[in-house]
Amino acid sequence: MGTGGGRPSIYPALLYADAKAAIKQLTEVFGFTELSVYESEDGLVAHAELAQGNGAVMLGSKGTGSAYDKLMKDAGPAGMYVVVDDVDAHHRHAAEHGAEILMPPTDQDYGSRDYMARDAEGNIWSFGTYAPEIRR
């Protein structure tokens, strides 16, 4: 079970109509780091990986014709939760770079401080301090 070596074992995977714009927004506005981007011959993003902390998200372009693309054709927006050290600084940066903020930094009853934003294609990104420990 798992991957060992400190690698995450779960990677959210998203498809975007404009994956290149999504990569730009996620890196410049939300602080992700681009790990890899593979383009198809027609210039679509066949596969990309972006990291944030010790986690990562995979993404690509809609309309590639891949099996995943076909299965996700009618899927709606997704929700992601990302742990960040300083919610207020992260929020400030995102807001300054034009992110659509849905909820400002808010202290939660369970001890987290969170905020929510929407990306350019409707996915909801929550950023907060809550990081559950995984026990086996």
C-alpha atoms as a PDB file:
ATOM      1  CA  MET A   1       0.000   0.000   0.000  1.00  0.00           C
ATOM      2  CA  GLY A   2       1.090   3.567  -0.646  1.00  0.00           C
ATOM      3  CA  THR A   3       4.133   4.702  -2.516  1.00  0.00           C
ATOM      4  CA  GLY A   4       6.786   5.155   0.168  1.00  0.00           C
ATOM      5  CA  GLY A   5       9.642   7.578  -0.280  1.00  0.00           C
ATOM      6  CA  GLY A   6       7.534  10.545   0.856  1.00  0.00           C
ATOM      7  CA  ARG A   7       5.492  10.602  -2.340  1.00  0.00           C
ATOM      8  CA  PRO A   8       1.767  11.380  -2.120  1.00  0.00           C
ATOM      9  CA  SER A   9      -0.473   8.443  -2.912  1.00  0.00           C
ATOM     10  CA  ILE A  10      -3.446  10.536  -4.050  1.00  0.00           C
ATOM     11  CA  TYR A  11      -3.288  13.025  -6.928  1.00  0.00           C
ATOM     12  CA  PRO A  12      -6.413  14.974  -7.856  1.00  0.00           C
ATOM     13  CA  ALA A  13      -6.743  15.071 -11.665  1.00  0.00           C
ATOM     14  CA  LEU A  14      -8.502  17.900 -13.487  1.00  0.00           C
ATOM     15  CA  LEU A  15      -9.236  18.739 -17.108  1.00  0.00           C
ATOM     16  CA  TYR A  16      -9.404  22.317 -18.358  1.00  0.00           C
ATOM     17  CA  ALA A  17     -10.653  23.888 -21.592  1.00  0.00           C
ATOM     18  CA  ASP A  18      -7.501  26.057 -21.389  1.00  0.00           C
ATOM     19  CA  ALA A  19      -4.970  24.005 -19.445  1.00  0.00           C
ATOM     20  CA  LYS A  20      -2.114  26.424 -20.208  1.00  0.00           C
ATOM     21  CA  ALA A  21      -4.060  29.275 -18.597  1.00  0.00           C
ATOM     22  CA  ALA A  22      -4.895  27.011 -15.645  1.00  0.00           C
ATOM     23  CA  ILE A  23      -1.207  26.201 -15.146  1.00  0.00           C
ATOM     24  CA  LYS A  24      -0.389  29.908 -15.237  1.00  0.00           C
ATOM     25  CA  GLN A  25      -3.095  30.735 -12.683  1.00  0.00           C
ATOM     26  CA  LEU A  26      -2.218  27.867 -10.348  1.00  0.00           C
ATOM     27  CA  THR A  27       1.498  28.753 -10.362  1.00  0.00           C
ATOM     28  CA  GLU A  28       1.350  32.557 -10.403  1.00  0.00           C
ATOM     29  CA  VAL A  29      -1.757  33.122  -8.288  1.00  0.00           C
ATOM     30  CA  PHE A  30      -1.975  30.097  -5.975  1.00  0.00           C
ATOM     31  CA  GLY A  31       1.747  29.332  -5.580  1.00  0.00           C
ATOM     32  CA  PHE A  32       1.975  25.870  -7.153  1.00  0.00           C
ATOM     33  CA  THR A  33       5.278  24.730  -8.664  1.00  0.00           C
ATOM     34  CA  GLU A  34       5.307  23.300 -12.176  1.00  0.00           C
ATOM     35  CA  LEU A  35       6.883  19.834 -12.109  1.00  0.00           C
ATOM     36  CA  SER A  36       6.188  18.755 -15.686  1.00  0.00           C
ATOM     37  CA  VAL A  37       4.103  19.653 -18.706  1.00  0.00           C
ATOM     38  CA  TYR A  38       3.732  17.386 -21.730  1.00  0.00           C
ATOM     39  CA  GLU A  39       2.059  18.763 -24.831  1.00  0.00           C
ATOM     40  CA  SER A  40       0.513  16.820 -27.676  1.00  0.00           C
ATOM     41  CA  GLU A  41       1.441  17.561 -31.291  1.00  0.00           C
ATOM     42  CA  ASP A  42      -1.565  19.890 -31.576  1.00  0.00           C
ATOM     43  CA  GLY A  43      -0.403  22.009 -28.611  1.00  0.00           C
ATOM     44  CA  LEU A  44      -2.883  20.720 -26.033  1.00  0.00           C
ATOM     45  CA  VAL A  45      -1.618  19.777 -22.579  1.00  0.00           C
ATOM     46  CA  ALA A  46      -1.612  15.983 -22.596  1.00  0.00           C
ATOM     47  CA  HIS A  47      -0.463  15.810 -18.957  1.00  0.00           C
ATOM     48  CA  ALA A  48       0.918  18.217 -16.364  1.00  0.00           C
ATOM     49  CA  GLU A  49       1.919  17.911 -12.726  1.00  0.00           C
ATOM     50  CA  LEU A  50       1.988  20.808 -10.277  1.00  0.00           C
ATOM     51  CA  ALA A  51       3.135  20.612  -6.662  1.00  0.00           C
ATOM     52  CA  GLN A  52       2.102  22.445  -3.530  1.00  0.00           C
ATOM     53  CA  GLY A  53       3.795  21.454  -0.284  1.00  0.00           C
ATOM     54  CA  ASN A  54       4.055  17.649  -0.176  1.00  0.00           C
ATOM     55  CA  GLY A  55       1.089  17.137  -2.515  1.00  0.00           C
ATOM     56  CA  ALA A  56       0.454  17.493  -6.207  1.00  0.00           C
ATOM     57  CA  VAL A  57      -2.301  17.822  -8.768  1.00  0.00           C
ATOM     58  CA  MET A  58      -2.355  16.401 -12.285  1.00  0.00           C
ATOM     59  CA  LEU A  59      -4.124  18.242 -15.075  1.00  0.00           C
ATOM     60  CA  GLY A  60      -4.586  18.336 -18.805  1.00  0.00           C
ATOM     61  CA  SER A  61      -6.590  19.793 -21.649  1.00  0.00           C
ATOM     62  CA  LYS A  62     -10.152  18.871 -22.461  1.00  0.00           C
ATOM     63  CA  GLY A  63     -10.621  17.576 -25.987  1.00  0.00           C
ATOM     64  CA  THR A  64      -7.557  15.351 -26.288  1.00  0.00           C
ATOM     65  CA  GLY A  65      -9.638  12.273 -27.048  1.00  0.00           C
ATOM     66  CA  SER A  66      -7.957  10.204 -24.339  1.00  0.00           C
ATOM     67  CA  ALA A  67      -9.983   7.661 -22.372  1.00  0.00           C
ATOM     68  CA  TYR A  68      -9.913   9.957 -19.312  1.00  0.00           C
ATOM     69  CA  ASP A  69     -11.005  12.934 -21.433  1.00  0.00           C
ATOM     70  CA  LYS A  70     -13.958  10.943 -22.782  1.00  0.00           C
ATOM     71  CA  LEU A  71     -15.024   9.745 -19.322  1.00  0.00           C
ATOM     72  CA  MET A  72     -14.778  13.255 -17.841  1.00  0.00           C
ATOM     73  CA  LYS A  73     -16.641  14.916 -20.732  1.00  0.00           C
ATOM     74  CA  ASP A  74     -19.700  15.910 -18.708  1.00  0.00           C
ATOM     75  CA  ALA A  75     -18.023  16.246 -15.302  1.00  0.00           C
ATOM     76  CA  GLY A  76     -18.617  19.453 -13.391  1.00  0.00           C
ATOM     77  CA  PRO A  77     -16.215  21.568 -11.397  1.00  0.00           C
ATOM     78  CA  ALA A  78     -14.258  19.905  -8.611  1.00  0.00           C
ATOM     79  CA  GLY A  79     -13.282  20.987  -5.112  1.00  0.00           C
ATOM     80  CA  MET A  80      -9.701  20.792  -3.829  1.00  0.00           C
ATOM     81  CA  TYR A  81      -8.256  21.422  -0.374  1.00  0.00           C
ATOM     82  CA  VAL A  82      -4.631  22.547  -0.064  1.00  0.00           C
ATOM     83  CA  VAL A  83      -2.716  22.969   3.205  1.00  0.00           C
ATOM     84  CA  VAL A  84      -0.723  26.198   3.457  1.00  0.00           C
ATOM     85  CA  ASP A  85       1.350  27.570   6.337  1.00  0.00           C
ATOM     86  CA  ASP A  86       0.148  31.194   6.251  1.00  0.00           C
ATOM     87  CA  VAL A  87      -3.454  31.455   5.090  1.00  0.00           C
ATOM     88  CA  ASP A  88      -3.572  35.240   5.313  1.00  0.00           C
ATOM     89  CA  ALA A  89      -0.426  35.760   3.224  1.00  0.00           C
ATOM     90  CA  HIS A  90      -1.598  33.173   0.690  1.00  0.00           C
ATOM     91  CA  HIS A  91      -5.013  34.854   0.479  1.00  0.00           C
ATOM     92  CA  ARG A  92      -3.448  38.296   0.109  1.00  0.00           C
ATOM     93  CA  HIS A  93      -1.262  37.088  -2.770  1.00  0.00           C
ATOM     94  CA  ALA A  94      -4.186  35.370  -4.524  1.00  0.00           C
ATOM     95  CA  ALA A  95      -6.440  38.424  -4.138  1.00  0.00           C
ATOM     96  CA  GLU A  96      -3.703  40.769  -5.390  1.00  0.00           C
ATOM     97  CA  HIS A  97      -3.358  38.573  -8.483  1.00  0.00           C
ATOM     98  CA  GLY A  98      -7.064  38.693  -9.304  1.00  0.00           C
ATOM     99  CA  ALA A  99      -8.357  35.412  -7.847  1.00  0.00           C
ATOM    100  CA  GLU A 100     -12.096  35.255  -7.321  1.00  0.00           C
ATOM    101  CA  ILE A 101     -12.304  34.967  -3.536  1.00  0.00           C
ATOM    102  CA  LEU A 102     -15.426  33.136  -2.366  1.00  0.00           C
ATOM    103  CA  MET A 103     -14.725  33.209   1.377  1.00  0.00           C
ATOM    104  CA  PRO A 104     -12.102  35.369   3.104  1.00  0.00           C
ATOM    105  CA  PRO A 105      -9.761  33.838   5.691  1.00  0.00           C
ATOM    106  CA  THR A 106     -12.028  32.463   8.401  1.00  0.00           C
ATOM    107  CA  ASP A 107     -11.296  30.676  11.669  1.00  0.00           C
ATOM    108  CA  GLN A 108     -13.168  27.363  11.757  1.00  0.00           C
ATOM    109  CA  ASP A 109     -14.632  25.605  14.828  1.00  0.00           C
ATOM    110  CA  TYR A 110     -12.300  22.621  14.249  1.00  0.00           C
ATOM    111  CA  GLY A 111      -9.185  24.791  14.589  1.00  0.00           C
ATOM    112  CA  SER A 112      -8.336  25.550  10.979  1.00  0.00           C
ATOM    113  CA  ARG A 113      -8.074  28.903   9.266  1.00  0.00           C
ATOM    114  CA  ASP A 114      -9.324  28.686   5.659  1.00  0.00           C
ATOM    115  CA  TYR A 115     -10.275  30.695   2.630  1.00  0.00           C
ATOM    116  CA  MET A 116     -11.873  29.673  -0.666  1.00  0.00           C
ATOM    117  CA  ALA A 117     -11.340  30.808  -4.251  1.00  0.00           C
ATOM    118  CA  ARG A 118     -12.635  29.813  -7.673  1.00  0.00           C
ATOM    119  CA  ASP A 119     -10.282  29.202 -10.586  1.00  0.00           C
ATOM    120  CA  ALA A 120     -10.960  30.484 -14.090  1.00  0.00           C
ATOM    121  CA  GLU A 121     -12.949  27.360 -15.023  1.00  0.00           C
ATOM    122  CA  GLY A 122     -15.110  27.059 -11.918  1.00  0.00           C
ATOM    123  CA  ASN A 123     -13.173  24.662  -9.672  1.00  0.00           C
ATOM    124  CA  ILE A 124     -13.260  25.560  -5.989  1.00  0.00           C
ATOM    125  CA  TRP A 125      -9.906  25.705  -4.209  1.00  0.00           C
ATOM    126  CA  SER A 126      -9.861  25.814  -0.391  1.00  0.00           C
ATOM    127  CA  PHE A 127      -6.605  26.780   1.281  1.00  0.00           C
ATOM    128  CA  GLY A 128      -6.179  26.249   5.007  1.00  0.00           C
ATOM    129  CA  THR A 129      -4.103  25.168   7.952  1.00  0.00           C
ATOM    130  CA  TYR A 130      -5.963  21.931   8.711  1.00  0.00           C
ATOM    131  CA  ALA A 131      -3.708  18.959   7.945  1.00  0.00           C
ATOM    132  CA  PRO A 132      -5.168  15.714   9.268  1.00  0.00           C
ATOM    133  CA  GLU A 133      -2.716  13.093  10.371  1.00  0.00           C
ATOM    134  CA  ILE A 134      -3.154   9.844   8.522  1.00  0.00           C
ATOM    135  CA  ARG A 135      -2.941   6.905  10.907  1.00  0.00           C
ATOM    136  CA  ARG A 136      -2.792   3.317   9.837  1.00  0.00           C
END
